[in-house]
Protein backbone atom coordinates (compact mmCIF):
# COMPACT_ATOMS: atom_id res chain seq x y z
CA MET A 1 206.86 152.07 80.53
CA TYR A 2 205.77 148.84 79.30
CA ASP A 3 202.95 150.57 77.60
CA LYS A 4 205.17 153.02 75.76
CA PHE A 5 207.57 150.10 74.81
CA LEU A 6 204.24 148.07 73.38
CA TRP A 7 203.20 151.41 71.31
CA ILE A 8 206.60 151.47 69.50
CA PHE A 9 206.71 148.22 68.83
CA LEU A 10 203.51 148.12 67.31
CA ALA A 11 204.10 151.40 65.29
CA PHE A 12 207.68 149.85 63.86
CA THR A 13 205.90 146.64 62.79
CA GLY A 14 203.25 148.47 60.89
CA TYR A 15 199.95 146.93 62.62
CA VAL A 16 198.95 150.48 63.96
CA ARG A 17 198.31 151.51 60.83
CA SER A 18 196.39 148.48 59.38
CA GLU A 19 194.36 147.96 62.37
CA SER A 20 192.50 149.93 65.25
CA TYR A 21 190.77 149.22 68.39
CA SER A 22 188.48 150.75 70.69
CA GLU A 23 186.46 150.30 74.02
CA GLU A 24 183.19 152.06 74.44
CA LEU A 25 180.69 151.61 77.34
CA PHE A 26 177.26 153.32 77.05
CA ILE A 27 174.93 153.67 80.46
CA LYS A 28 171.30 154.87 80.33
CA PRO A 29 168.92 154.68 83.08
CA LEU A 30 165.64 153.26 81.97
CA ALA A 31 162.18 153.10 83.43
CA THR A 32 160.97 151.83 86.76
CA GLY A 33 164.62 152.16 87.95
CA TYR A 34 166.32 149.74 85.75
CA VAL A 35 169.80 150.95 84.24
CA TYR A 36 171.04 149.73 80.71
CA SER A 37 174.58 148.89 79.92
CA PHE A 38 176.14 148.34 76.45
CA PHE A 39 179.57 147.58 75.86
CA GLN A 40 181.05 147.65 72.55
CA PHE A 41 184.63 146.38 71.32
CA THR A 42 185.63 147.35 67.99
CA ILE A 43 188.12 146.17 65.81
CA VAL A 44 188.42 147.54 62.37
CA ARG A 45 191.08 146.34 59.98
CA GLU A 46 192.18 147.34 56.15
CA ASP A 47 192.38 143.83 54.86
CA ASN A 48 191.20 140.46 55.19
CA ALA A 49 194.51 138.72 55.78
CA PHE A 50 193.39 137.71 59.51
CA ARG A 51 195.97 135.12 60.13
CA HIS A 52 198.60 138.26 60.00
CA SER A 53 196.95 140.07 62.73
CA SER A 54 197.83 141.49 65.97
CA LEU A 55 194.03 142.65 67.53
CA PHE A 56 191.80 140.50 65.08
CA PRO A 57 191.66 136.96 67.01
CA HIS A 58 192.90 134.36 64.90
CA SER A 59 190.36 131.87 65.92
CA LEU A 60 187.70 133.59 64.61
CA GLY A 61 189.35 134.88 61.52
CA ASP A 62 190.48 131.38 60.57
CA ILE A 63 186.69 130.30 60.64
CA ILE A 64 185.63 133.40 58.63
CA ASN A 65 188.20 132.70 55.88
CA ARG A 66 187.79 129.05 55.89
CA PHE A 67 183.83 128.99 55.28
CA HIS A 68 184.20 132.24 53.13
CA VAL A 69 182.07 134.27 55.22
CA ASP A 70 181.29 137.80 54.26
CA GLU A 71 178.92 138.82 57.10
CA LEU A 72 178.29 136.99 60.48
CA ASN A 73 176.02 137.97 63.54
CA VAL A 74 175.97 135.78 66.60
CA ASP A 75 173.87 136.63 69.76
CA LEU A 76 173.71 134.70 72.98
CA THR A 77 170.74 135.88 75.02
CA SER A 78 169.14 135.19 78.42
CA GLY A 79 166.02 137.34 79.31
CA LEU A 80 163.46 139.13 77.58
CA TRP A 81 163.87 142.77 76.65
CA ARG A 82 160.79 144.83 77.33
CA HIS A 83 160.07 147.24 74.32
CA LYS A 84 156.99 148.74 76.06
CA SER A 85 158.81 149.79 79.26
CA TRP A 86 162.57 150.07 78.14
CA GLY A 87 162.47 151.44 74.67
CA TYR A 88 164.71 149.99 72.04
CA PRO A 89 168.10 148.42 72.63
CA ALA A 90 171.59 148.82 70.45
CA VAL A 91 171.37 145.51 69.40
CA ASP A 92 167.78 143.42 69.65
CA ALA A 93 168.31 139.76 70.22
CA PRO A 94 165.75 136.78 71.31
CA SER A 95 166.31 134.56 74.02
CA GLY A 96 168.45 131.67 73.44
CA ALA A 97 171.10 131.64 70.29
CA GLU A 98 170.72 133.40 67.12
CA ILE A 99 173.14 133.49 64.21
CA SER A 100 172.74 134.62 60.89
CA ALA A 101 175.55 134.68 58.17
CA ARG A 102 176.18 135.85 54.38
CA PHE A 103 178.66 133.90 52.45
CA HIS A 104 180.80 135.23 49.31
CA ASN A 105 178.61 135.34 46.38
CA ASP A 106 181.08 132.79 44.50
CA THR A 107 180.23 130.06 47.36
CA ILE A 108 179.50 127.03 45.33
CA ASP A 109 177.79 124.50 48.31
CA VAL A 110 176.42 127.46 50.52
CA ASN A 111 174.89 124.85 52.89
CA LYS A 112 178.12 122.95 53.35
CA ASN A 113 179.84 126.14 54.40
CA TRP A 114 176.72 127.22 56.73
CA TYR A 115 176.96 123.79 58.80
CA GLY A 116 180.60 123.93 58.74
CA LEU A 117 180.39 127.54 60.01
CA THR A 118 177.87 126.37 62.76
CA ASN A 119 179.96 123.53 64.02
CA ALA A 120 183.06 125.59 64.11
CA LEU A 121 181.56 128.35 66.29
CA SER A 122 179.87 125.65 68.61
CA GLY A 123 183.44 124.54 69.41
CA LEU A 124 184.78 128.17 69.91
CA LEU A 125 181.94 129.63 72.19
CA CYS A 126 180.95 126.49 73.84
CA THR A 127 177.05 126.74 72.53
CA SER A 128 174.79 124.03 71.05
CA LEU A 129 175.13 125.66 67.58
CA ASN A 130 176.06 122.45 66.19
CA PHE A 131 172.15 121.28 66.45
CA ILE A 132 171.69 123.75 63.55
CA ASN A 133 170.22 121.67 60.31
CA SER A 134 168.07 122.09 57.57
CA ALA A 135 165.02 121.55 59.70
CA ASN A 136 165.63 124.64 61.87
CA SER A 137 167.39 127.18 59.27
CA TYR A 138 166.01 129.61 57.03
CA GLU A 139 167.31 129.83 53.14
CA SER A 140 166.05 132.96 51.43
CA SER A 141 164.93 133.07 48.24
CA ALA A 142 166.07 136.68 47.51
CA ASP A 143 169.47 135.88 48.68
CA ARG A 144 171.19 132.71 47.80
CA VAL A 145 173.90 133.19 50.14
CA TYR A 146 172.07 134.43 53.30
CA ARG A 147 171.37 131.78 56.44
CA TYR A 148 169.55 132.21 59.28
CA SER A 149 168.67 129.88 62.46
CA ASN A 150 167.89 130.31 66.05
CA LEU A 151 167.80 127.74 69.09
CA PRO A 152 165.36 129.44 71.43
CA ARG A 153 166.28 126.73 74.20
CA GLU A 154 170.04 127.60 74.40
CA ASN A 155 170.94 128.61 77.94
CA VAL A 156 173.83 131.10 78.30
CA CYS A 157 176.24 130.71 81.10
CA THR A 158 180.01 131.18 82.33
CA GLU A 159 181.02 128.64 79.47
CA ASN A 160 179.96 131.28 76.74
CA LEU A 161 181.34 134.42 78.50
CA THR A 162 184.84 133.08 79.25
CA PRO A 163 185.46 132.16 75.34
CA TRP A 164 183.74 135.31 74.43
CA LYS A 165 186.38 137.33 76.53
CA LYS A 166 189.36 135.58 75.12
CA LEU A 167 188.54 137.09 71.71
CA LEU A 168 189.53 140.38 72.79
CA PRO A 169 193.09 141.70 72.36
CA CYS A 170 193.29 142.39 76.49
CA ASP A 171 191.21 139.40 77.26
CA SER A 172 189.51 140.31 80.86
CA THR A 173 192.51 141.75 82.68
CA ARG A 174 192.51 145.34 81.38
CA GLY A 175 190.39 147.85 80.19
CA LEU A 176 186.17 147.91 80.20
CA SER A 177 186.48 144.09 79.82
CA SER A 178 187.49 144.06 83.20
CA LEU A 179 184.13 144.83 84.33
CA LEU A 180 182.55 141.76 83.06
CA ASN A 181 182.52 139.52 86.21
CA SER A 182 180.72 136.44 85.40
CA GLY A 183 178.73 136.56 88.78
CA HIS A 184 177.37 139.83 88.15
CA VAL A 185 176.93 139.54 84.73
CA HIS A 186 174.74 136.43 85.03
CA ASN A 187 172.72 137.84 87.77
CA ALA A 188 171.49 140.80 85.50
CA ASN A 189 167.74 140.79 84.82
CA TYR A 190 168.55 140.82 81.05
CA HIS A 191 172.02 139.88 79.32
CA SER A 192 173.25 139.38 76.00
CA LEU A 193 176.78 138.53 74.07
CA GLY A 194 177.06 139.49 70.74
CA ILE A 195 179.79 138.88 67.86
CA HIS A 196 179.09 140.83 64.77
CA PHE A 197 181.53 141.14 61.51
CA ARG A 198 180.89 142.68 58.61
CA PRO A 199 182.77 144.52 55.80
CA LEU A 200 182.48 148.36 55.20
CA CYS A 201 183.09 149.32 51.49
CA ASN A 202 183.26 152.76 49.91
CA ALA A 203 184.12 153.34 46.25
CA GLY A 204 185.16 149.66 45.75
CA LYS A 205 187.63 149.87 48.92
CA CYS A 206 186.59 147.93 51.50
CA LYS A 207 187.62 147.62 55.50
CA TYR A 208 186.45 144.85 57.79
CA GLU A 209 184.82 145.43 61.20
CA LEU A 210 184.59 143.18 63.99
CA ARG A 211 182.25 144.51 67.13
CA GLN A 212 182.00 142.38 70.31
CA THR A 213 178.96 143.73 72.19
CA VAL A 214 177.50 142.92 75.67
CA SER A 215 174.09 144.30 76.85
CA LEU A 216 172.96 144.34 80.50
CA VAL A 217 170.05 145.34 82.30
CA TYR A 218 170.15 145.83 85.95
CA ASP A 219 167.60 146.41 88.72
CA SER A 220 168.62 149.68 90.55
CA THR A 221 166.55 149.00 93.42
CA PHE A 222 168.37 145.44 93.69
CA ILE A 223 171.79 146.50 93.72
CA SER A 224 171.44 149.15 95.85
CA LEU A 225 171.53 148.47 99.48
CA ASN A 226 168.80 151.13 100.61
CA ASN A 227 166.14 150.27 97.85
CA ASN A 228 166.44 153.47 95.83
CA TYR A 229 167.76 154.40 92.50
CA ASP A 230 171.25 154.75 93.06
CA TRP A 231 173.74 153.14 90.80
CA SER A 232 177.30 152.75 90.29
CA LEU A 233 180.07 150.76 88.67
CA ARG A 234 180.88 149.01 91.61
CA LYS A 235 177.35 147.99 92.43
CA MET A 236 176.76 146.64 88.94
CA PHE A 237 179.51 145.11 88.25
CA GLY A 238 181.44 144.28 91.33
CA THR A 239 184.54 146.30 90.76
CA GLY A 240 185.92 149.64 89.23
CA LEU A 241 188.09 150.27 86.36
CA PHE A 242 191.65 150.10 87.54
CA LYS A 243 193.51 149.56 84.29
CA THR A 244 193.00 150.65 80.79
CA CYS A 245 193.71 148.48 77.80
CA PRO A 246 197.09 149.64 76.13
CA LEU A 247 196.16 148.33 72.87
CA ALA A 248 192.86 150.61 72.46
CA ASP A 249 193.03 153.76 70.70
CA PHE A 250 190.41 155.16 72.95
CA SER A 251 188.38 154.12 75.99
CA LYS A 252 185.06 156.06 76.63
CA LEU A 253 182.13 156.02 78.60
CA TYR A 254 178.78 157.48 77.67
CA ILE A 255 176.10 158.22 80.06
CA ASP A 256 172.61 159.44 78.93
CA THR A 257 171.42 162.18 81.21
CA SER A 258 168.23 162.64 79.23
CA SER A 259 166.15 161.91 82.28
CA ASN A 260 167.63 164.51 84.51
CA SER A 261 164.86 166.81 83.24
CA SER A 262 162.11 164.84 85.02
CA VAL A 263 164.17 162.96 87.72
CA PRO A 264 167.43 164.56 88.20
CA TYR A 265 170.50 162.55 89.56
CA LEU A 266 173.89 163.62 90.73
CA LEU A 267 177.05 162.03 89.19
CA SER A 268 180.11 161.77 91.36
CA GLN A 269 182.74 163.42 88.85
CA GLU A 270 181.88 165.65 86.28
CA PRO A 271 182.47 164.41 82.56
CA ASP A 272 184.85 165.88 80.21
CA TYR A 273 182.43 167.05 77.81
CA PHE A 274 178.71 166.54 76.69
CA LEU A 275 177.03 165.28 73.34
CA LYS A 276 174.15 166.99 72.15
CA ASP A 277 173.76 168.32 75.93
CA ASN A 278 172.50 164.88 77.17
CA ILE A 279 175.33 162.47 76.76
CA ALA A 280 177.87 162.58 79.18
CA VAL A 281 181.30 161.58 77.93
CA TYR A 282 184.45 160.33 80.15
CA ASN A 283 188.00 159.53 78.66
CA LEU A 284 189.09 156.76 80.73
CA ILE A 285 192.79 156.74 81.28
CA SER A 286 193.52 155.37 84.33
CA ILE A 287 191.70 154.08 87.84
CA PHE A 288 188.08 155.27 87.26
CA HIS A 289 185.10 154.97 89.62
CA LEU A 290 181.63 156.49 89.09
CA SER A 291 178.49 156.60 90.95
CA ALA A 292 174.93 158.11 90.44
CA VAL A 293 172.65 159.44 93.14
CA VAL A 294 169.11 160.09 92.84
CA PRO A 295 167.99 162.66 95.48
CA ARG A 296 164.87 162.32 97.64
CA PRO A 297 162.02 161.81 97.33
CA LYS A 298 162.44 158.59 95.42
CA ILE A 299 160.50 158.60 92.19
CA ALA A 300 161.06 156.22 89.15
CA VAL A 301 162.65 157.39 85.78
CA SER A 302 159.63 158.18 83.62
CA GLU A 303 159.85 157.82 79.88
CA LEU A 304 157.74 158.11 76.92
CA ARG A 305 156.22 154.96 75.34
CA PRO A 306 158.13 153.94 72.23
CA LEU A 307 156.57 154.42 68.83
CA LEU A 308 156.18 150.76 67.84
CA TYR A 309 156.36 147.56 69.99
CA THR A 310 155.09 143.89 69.55
CA ASP A 311 153.89 141.00 71.54
CA ARG A 312 153.28 137.45 70.54
CA PHE A 313 151.05 134.24 72.04
CA ILE A 314 149.34 131.31 71.11
CA THR A 315 145.39 130.61 70.95
CA GLY A 316 143.54 127.45 71.31
CA PHE A 317 142.79 124.55 73.88
CA GLY A 318 143.88 121.16 74.15
CA GLN A 319 146.64 119.34 72.19
CA GLU A 320 145.14 119.21 68.56
CA TYR A 321 144.31 122.60 67.14
CA GLY A 322 145.92 125.85 67.83
CA GLY A 323 146.64 129.51 66.60
CA LEU A 324 149.68 131.85 66.76
CA VAL A 325 148.67 135.80 67.01
CA THR A 326 151.39 138.38 66.61
CA ARG A 327 150.40 142.26 67.37
CA ILE A 328 152.17 145.23 66.31
CA TYR A 329 151.44 148.50 68.22
CA ASN A 330 152.11 151.70 66.45
CA GLU A 331 151.92 155.10 68.70
CA HIS A 332 153.02 157.37 65.89
CA ARG A 333 150.94 159.88 64.18
CA LEU A 334 151.82 158.61 60.62
CA PRO A 335 151.45 155.48 59.16
CA VAL A 336 154.28 152.78 59.11
CA THR A 337 155.54 150.25 56.69
CA ALA A 338 156.73 147.01 58.64
CA LYS A 339 158.01 143.74 57.31
CA VAL A 340 156.95 140.68 59.57
CA ILE A 341 159.22 137.06 59.27
CA GLU A 342 157.66 134.46 60.87
CA ASN A 343 160.00 131.14 61.13
CA ILE A 344 157.67 128.26 62.24
CA PRO A 345 158.99 124.72 63.29
CA TRP A 346 158.00 121.86 60.82
CA PHE A 347 156.34 120.39 63.93
CA LEU A 348 153.74 122.99 63.80
CA PRO A 349 152.08 123.08 60.48
CA ILE A 350 150.12 125.89 59.67
CA TYR A 351 147.04 126.55 57.18
CA TYR A 352 147.72 129.46 54.96
CA HIS A 353 143.75 129.50 54.55
CA THR A 354 143.53 130.72 57.99
CA LEU A 355 145.98 133.53 57.72
CA ILE A 356 143.99 136.89 58.82
CA VAL A 357 145.51 140.51 58.98
CA SER A 358 143.72 143.19 60.72
CA SER A 359 144.14 146.41 61.79
CA ASN A 360 141.89 147.81 64.83
CA GLY A 361 139.48 145.13 64.16
CA VAL A 362 139.09 145.49 60.24
CA ARG A 363 140.58 142.92 58.07
CA VAL A 364 143.35 144.47 55.78
CA ASN A 365 144.94 143.17 52.64
CA PRO A 366 148.90 142.92 53.14
CA LYS A 367 151.14 144.75 50.57
CA ALA A 368 153.59 141.93 50.09
CA LEU A 369 153.37 138.25 50.98
CA ILE A 370 155.78 135.44 50.78
CA TYR A 371 154.66 131.71 51.91
CA LYS A 372 157.04 128.81 51.84
CA PRO A 373 155.16 125.71 53.28
CA GLY A 374 157.41 123.62 55.38
CA LYS A 375 158.16 119.67 55.18
CA GLY A 376 158.30 117.43 58.11
CA ARG A 377 161.56 116.91 59.46
CA ILE A 378 163.30 118.47 56.56
CA ARG A 379 162.03 122.54 56.29
CA ILE A 380 160.65 124.95 58.33
CA TYR A 381 157.39 126.92 57.41
CA TYR A 382 158.38 130.45 56.26
CA LEU A 383 156.08 133.39 56.05
CA GLU A 384 157.10 137.27 55.52
CA ILE A 385 154.30 139.85 55.31
CA VAL A 386 154.87 143.61 54.41
CA LEU A 387 152.01 146.01 55.75
CA GLU A 388 151.28 149.39 56.03
CA LEU A 389 150.71 150.19 59.86
CA ALA A 390 147.87 152.71 60.20
CA PRO A 391 148.54 155.60 62.66
CA ARG A 392 147.45 154.83 66.38
CA SER A 393 146.85 151.47 65.37
CA VAL A 394 146.88 147.96 66.77
CA THR A 395 147.43 145.36 63.61
CA GLU A 396 147.11 141.63 64.40
CA ILE A 397 148.17 138.61 62.54
CA SER A 398 146.79 135.22 63.14
CA VAL A 399 147.34 131.83 61.71
CA GLN A 400 146.13 128.61 62.68
CA PHE A 401 148.30 125.32 63.15
CA ASP A 402 148.09 121.68 64.23
CA TYR A 403 149.90 119.81 66.84
CA VAL A 404 152.18 116.87 65.25
CA PHE A 405 152.50 114.00 67.14
CA LEU A 406 156.29 113.00 66.94
CA LYS A 407 158.39 109.93 66.95
CA TRP A 408 159.37 108.60 70.40
CA GLN A 409 163.18 108.97 69.28
CA GLU A 410 162.58 112.80 68.55
CA TYR A 411 161.35 113.95 72.16
CA PRO A 412 163.79 115.33 74.26
CA PRO A 413 164.90 113.96 77.86
CA ASP A 414 162.29 116.32 79.49
CA ALA A 415 159.53 116.03 76.95
CA ASN A 416 156.81 117.35 79.49
CA HIS A 417 158.71 120.58 79.75
CA GLY A 418 157.40 121.52 76.09
CA PHE A 419 158.71 122.50 72.74
CA TYR A 420 160.53 126.16 72.24
CA ILE A 421 159.20 128.47 69.21
CA GLY A 422 161.39 130.99 68.25
CA SER A 423 160.59 134.77 68.04
CA ALA A 424 159.52 136.55 64.96
CA ILE A 425 161.11 139.41 63.41
CA VAL A 426 159.45 142.72 62.78
CA GLU A 427 161.65 145.24 60.57
CA VAL A 428 160.41 149.01 60.55
CA THR A 429 161.97 152.54 59.74
CA ILE A 430 161.11 155.09 62.98
CA PRO A 431 162.03 158.63 63.02
CA ARG A 432 165.67 159.32 64.57
CA HIS A 433 164.47 160.98 67.60
CA ALA A 434 162.29 157.55 68.61
CA THR A 435 165.87 156.06 69.88
CA SER A 436 169.01 157.30 71.38
CA LEU A 437 171.43 154.66 70.15
CA THR A 438 171.65 153.20 66.78
CA PHE A 439 173.60 150.38 65.20
CA ASP A 440 174.40 151.23 61.59
CA LYS A 441 178.05 153.10 62.32
CA SER A 442 181.25 151.41 63.98
CA PHE A 443 181.72 153.86 66.91
CA ILE A 444 178.94 154.61 69.78
CA ALA A 445 179.93 158.46 69.32
CA ASP A 446 179.04 158.29 65.72
CA ASN A 447 175.69 156.69 66.18
CA LEU A 448 174.90 159.25 68.86
CA ASN A 449 176.07 162.24 66.52
CA SER A 450 174.12 160.72 63.89
CA SER A 451 171.58 163.13 61.72
CA GLU A 452 169.97 160.64 59.59
CA ALA A 453 165.96 161.15 59.66
CA ASP A 454 164.72 157.60 59.84
CA TYR A 455 166.51 154.53 61.20
CA LEU A 456 165.86 151.06 60.36
CA ILE A 457 165.47 148.97 63.85
CA CYS A 458 164.80 144.93 63.84
CA LEU A 459 162.22 143.92 66.89
CA LYS A 460 162.38 140.34 68.19
CA THR A 461 159.16 138.99 69.60
CA GLU A 462 158.99 136.59 72.75
CA ASN A 463 159.36 132.98 72.49
CA PHE A 464 156.87 130.81 73.73
CA ILE A 465 156.52 127.16 74.97
CA ILE A 466 153.75 124.51 73.71
CA THR A 467 153.16 121.25 74.78
CA LEU A 468 152.88 118.46 71.93
CA PRO A 469 150.99 115.22 72.30
CA THR A 470 153.50 113.44 74.60
CA PRO A 471 153.39 109.52 75.15
CA ASP A 472 153.76 108.00 78.79
CA PHE A 473 157.05 107.53 78.64
CA SER A 474 156.81 105.78 82.24
CA MET A 475 155.15 102.64 80.59
CA PRO A 476 158.37 101.54 78.85
CA TYR A 477 160.33 102.06 81.76
CA ASN A 478 157.83 99.78 83.58
CA VAL A 479 157.90 97.14 81.09
CA ILE A 480 161.85 97.30 81.08
CA CYS A 481 162.30 96.79 84.53
CA LEU A 482 159.78 94.10 84.60
CA ALA A 483 161.40 92.24 81.89
CA CYS A 484 164.74 92.78 83.04
CA THR A 485 163.63 91.40 86.76
CA VAL A 486 162.03 88.23 85.30
CA VAL A 487 165.12 87.38 83.14
CA ALA A 488 167.43 87.80 86.22
CA LEU A 489 165.13 85.37 88.25
CA ALA A 490 164.91 82.83 85.54
CA PHE A 491 168.57 83.28 84.40
CA GLY A 492 170.13 82.96 87.82
CA PRO A 493 169.01 79.46 88.73
CA ILE A 494 169.15 78.03 85.14
CA HIS A 495 172.74 79.11 85.08
CA ASN A 496 173.64 77.80 88.53
CA ILE A 497 172.22 74.20 87.49
CA THR A 498 173.95 74.15 83.90
CA THR A 499 177.40 75.40 85.14
CA LYS A 500 177.82 74.02 88.41
CA ARG A 501 178.75 70.37 88.93
CA LEU A 502 177.76 68.45 92.18
CA LYS A 503 180.25 66.25 93.78
CA LEU A 504 180.20 64.24 97.20
CA THR A 505 182.73 64.93 99.62
CA THR A 506 183.68 63.81 103.23
CA ALA A 507 182.82 65.78 105.98
CA LYS A 508 185.85 67.58 107.80
CA TYR A 509 186.33 68.72 111.17
CA VAL A 510 185.08 72.23 111.27
CA PRO A 511 184.94 74.13 114.48
CA GLY A 512 181.59 75.29 115.40
CA LEU A 513 178.82 75.37 118.03
CA ALA A 514 178.57 71.37 117.83
CA SER A 515 182.53 71.49 118.82
CA ILE A 516 182.03 73.99 121.62
CA LEU A 517 179.34 71.96 123.14
CA GLN A 518 181.11 68.84 122.82
CA LYS A 519 184.16 70.49 124.73
CA LEU A 520 181.72 71.86 127.29
CA TYR A 521 180.33 68.67 127.98
CA MET A 522 183.72 66.73 128.13
CA TRP A 523 184.95 69.20 130.49
CA VAL A 524 181.86 68.71 132.73
CA GLU A 525 182.21 64.95 132.47
CA ASN A 526 185.99 65.19 133.48
CA ILE A 527 185.08 67.35 136.40
CA ALA A 528 182.54 64.49 137.45
CA LEU A 529 184.91 62.06 136.80
CA SER A 530 187.64 63.64 138.97
CA LYS A 531 185.54 64.06 141.66
CA LYS A 532 184.56 59.97 141.47
CA ILE A 533 188.29 59.37 141.21
CA ASN A 534 188.78 61.53 144.59
CA LYS A 535 185.98 59.49 146.18
CA VAL A 536 187.33 56.06 145.03
CA GLY A 537 191.00 56.75 145.13
CA ASN A 538 191.72 55.30 141.73
CA SER A 539 191.93 57.08 138.22
CA ALA A 540 190.15 56.20 135.45
CA ALA A 541 191.60 55.93 132.06
CA VAL A 542 190.48 58.63 129.38
CA LYS A 543 190.80 57.79 125.59
CA VAL A 544 191.66 60.32 123.14
CA TYR A 545 190.27 59.75 119.74
CA ALA A 546 191.85 61.21 116.26
CA PRO A 547 189.86 63.26 113.91
CA GLU A 548 188.96 60.51 111.53
CA GLU A 549 187.89 58.13 114.21
CA LEU A 550 185.22 60.41 115.03
CA SER A 551 181.31 60.97 113.62
CA TYR A 552 179.51 63.90 113.20
CA HIS A 553 176.52 64.73 114.96
CA PRO A 554 174.15 67.28 114.01
CA THR A 555 173.66 68.56 117.41
CA LEU A 556 176.80 67.64 119.25
CA GLY A 557 179.01 67.95 116.60
CA HIS A 558 182.19 65.10 115.85
CA VAL A 559 181.74 62.47 118.62
CA SER A 560 183.23 58.77 118.84
CA GLU A 561 181.25 55.77 117.67
CA GLU A 562 181.14 54.45 121.26
CA PHE A 563 179.27 57.49 121.97
CA MET A 564 177.08 57.28 119.11
CA ASN A 565 176.03 53.71 119.98
CA ASN A 566 175.39 54.47 123.49
CA GLN A 567 173.11 57.26 122.31
CA VAL A 568 171.17 54.97 119.89
CA TYR A 569 170.95 52.67 122.91
CA ILE A 570 169.40 55.33 125.19
CA SER A 571 167.05 56.34 122.55
CA TYR A 572 165.76 52.96 121.91
CA THR A 573 165.40 51.91 125.76
CA LYS A 574 163.29 55.42 126.13
CA LYS A 575 161.25 54.45 123.27
CA TRP A 576 161.03 50.46 124.27
CA PRO A 577 161.44 50.11 127.91
CA LEU A 578 161.20 46.07 128.01
CA LEU A 579 164.70 46.17 125.81
CA LYS A 580 166.42 47.70 128.58
CA HIS A 581 165.89 44.36 130.56
């Protein structure tokens, strides 16, 4: 009943006609028993008045309007996507944080809007995007309003997932977002959060699309209790689907069953229909649970190697000279044109004359080459190469660099851990049959039904860590400790001497061990005197002294002057016995 009233209210206010919202989940078993899950939450709006929106998040809309953003892509990733084993993802993102933005053409100060955008998104998503500056940002010469940067050291945790889910219309209480349990998301072998905003223009009329994506890769042999390749929604996400989002136009689940030809698995529920005979489609309406069982014998899911994949590594030895090598493997029977983009930090100055491009060991000339030298602490090194990859070839791009000795303030707290270097970008057009899921259309169903012959993919290589010449930071620590100790030892006595005043005072009666001994002596003396009185029959007079009539003895405490004189006399008679007579 509540859902019906909500739909009536939205239809009456007119928001349904101006905005649409959909939820989709794509599941595909990968090689060696891994399972790839791709969530996509899409909002399409007819205008850019985001302040008057019921589905588009107001916080993000205010940021887009304030900084004149025309296109925005933000990805927060933990883990490495293995193209050679897993194929191609829907959204390829490197480890850490990656952000790119294109501003309106009439933007005057692009850098000011760029830094304002990164600071605002840093607060919105609880990330470290506020550390982006001119020394780690890329400015395109061909596109004045485009900016790109990445932070490979950024860690992705629950503090990022929680504000990300709050941007959804139904938050995390209903719909497919309820499957995103933070404990299970961050236990995945690979997980990536994304926010993608872009205009969709046709014949001068534009719509605005916001897609929030989540990519997860689970090891089915790890999440299953019997170490086989069975998987289910409960095993991967910790729960099933209990409530759908009432604001969504549709909620659908897509399962790629193409691996059934080699290793069949059985689904617990029959799909509503199929797309292209190998994509099972489920319309999610109410409570939904799904599981897949791989029959015995247990066999790993086999897939063909992708047509194109890359890897990256460093060469050299010591901490003076090094080299950077990027390899591109083309398994296709036809030549392929690729564009390689290298963003190298300013503290790794590269030598342009050492750039070598070779294919199967033979040196080749690139079709186009753009090189922008960096500047220390101001600008990164930018290298863009357009190559024609020969069929069945391995193309290698290598360049040498130096290790810069930084200032001591520029080292991070854990300097010996090393410095992270961001990934390279490889853009290439491959045949449509080489990948099952593209990312050029708004909905997953449209991408799966796409009939285009070629598809542009963007591959991100690995990040790596280098160790720069690092000084011994323990030496300043030892010097500081020694200096502070000397100052403390010298300052204490000097401070006491210069601030305290010496004053002579009269000793006061203070109870102590001497007083106890004196009382014990007097008690013994009284007992002896009482025995003498009992024998003689007469009582001896006992004199009581006031405290001021007593003198202090270092051993006996406070005693009378008569007692002191007697003690002096006894000591003298011991030294000189003649005095006794």
